[in-house]
Amino acid sequence: MPAGLAPWPEDEGLYTLCPSCGRVYYDAVIEETGTAPFALRIDVTAGPIAEAIRVHWDVNT
């Protein structure tokens, strides 16, 4: 895996990252409310996150 990725969150929550737009969703909110407001947005076009997505999906660029 690429260097520079953040450590896994300390809490027990699960998060979902949209690899297209970079929105991060907190799964518990989706389960409780049935809606999907996003918690934050990250850059998925460059840096270690983009590299991790590329490796995960085996995308050749």
Protein backbone atom coordinates (compact mmCIF):
# COMPACT_ATOMS: atom_id res chain seq x y z
CA MET A 1 0.00 0.00 0.00
CA PRO A 2 1.14 3.55 -0.60
CA ALA A 3 2.92 5.37 2.20
CA GLY A 4 1.26 8.35 3.85
CA LEU A 5 -2.22 6.97 4.50
CA ALA A 6 -3.88 7.85 7.78
CA PRO A 7 -4.18 5.17 10.46
CA TRP A 8 -7.47 3.33 10.88
CA PRO A 9 -9.90 5.40 13.02
CA GLU A 10 -9.86 4.62 16.75
CA ASP A 11 -13.65 4.46 17.05
CA GLU A 12 -15.75 1.46 16.18
CA GLY A 13 -17.54 3.28 13.38
CA LEU A 14 -17.43 2.26 9.79
CA TYR A 15 -17.00 4.73 6.97
CA THR A 16 -17.69 4.56 3.27
CA LEU A 17 -15.63 6.48 0.73
CA CYS A 18 -17.00 7.28 -2.71
CA PRO A 19 -13.97 6.75 -4.97
CA SER A 20 -15.46 9.05 -7.62
CA CYS A 21 -16.30 12.21 -5.66
CA GLY A 22 -14.31 11.76 -2.43
CA ARG A 23 -17.26 12.03 -0.06
CA VAL A 24 -16.87 10.08 3.17
CA TYR A 25 -20.05 8.77 4.78
CA TYR A 26 -20.47 7.59 8.37
CA ASP A 27 -22.31 4.29 8.03
CA ALA A 28 -24.12 4.54 11.39
CA VAL A 29 -25.93 7.70 10.23
CA ILE A 30 -27.12 5.91 7.10
CA GLU A 31 -28.37 2.97 9.17
CA GLU A 32 -30.14 5.17 11.73
CA THR A 33 -31.71 7.76 9.45
CA GLY A 34 -31.89 6.14 6.02
CA THR A 35 -30.15 9.20 4.58
CA ALA A 36 -26.57 9.65 3.49
CA PRO A 37 -25.23 13.06 4.51
CA PHE A 38 -21.50 13.09 4.04
CA ALA A 39 -19.12 13.77 6.91
CA LEU A 40 -16.26 15.17 4.87
CA ARG A 41 -14.76 15.22 1.42
CA ILE A 42 -11.21 14.27 0.48
CA ASP A 43 -9.19 14.59 -2.70
CA VAL A 44 -9.38 11.30 -4.58
CA THR A 45 -7.54 12.55 -7.65
CA ALA A 46 -4.00 12.77 -6.30
CA GLY A 47 -1.75 11.59 -3.51
CA PRO A 48 -1.88 8.44 -1.40
CA ILE A 49 -5.69 8.15 -1.45
CA ALA A 50 -5.74 8.15 -5.26
CA GLU A 51 -2.95 5.56 -5.30
CA ALA A 52 -4.79 3.34 -2.78
CA ILE A 53 -7.97 3.51 -4.90
CA ARG A 54 -5.96 2.64 -8.00
CA VAL A 55 -4.33 -0.32 -6.25
CA HIS A 56 -7.63 -1.52 -4.75
CA TRP A 57 -9.53 -1.41 -8.03
CA ASP A 58 -6.48 -2.53 -10.03
CA VAL A 59 -6.74 0.51 -12.29
CA ASN A 60 -3.87 0.98 -14.70
CA THR A 61 -3.09 4.64 -15.28
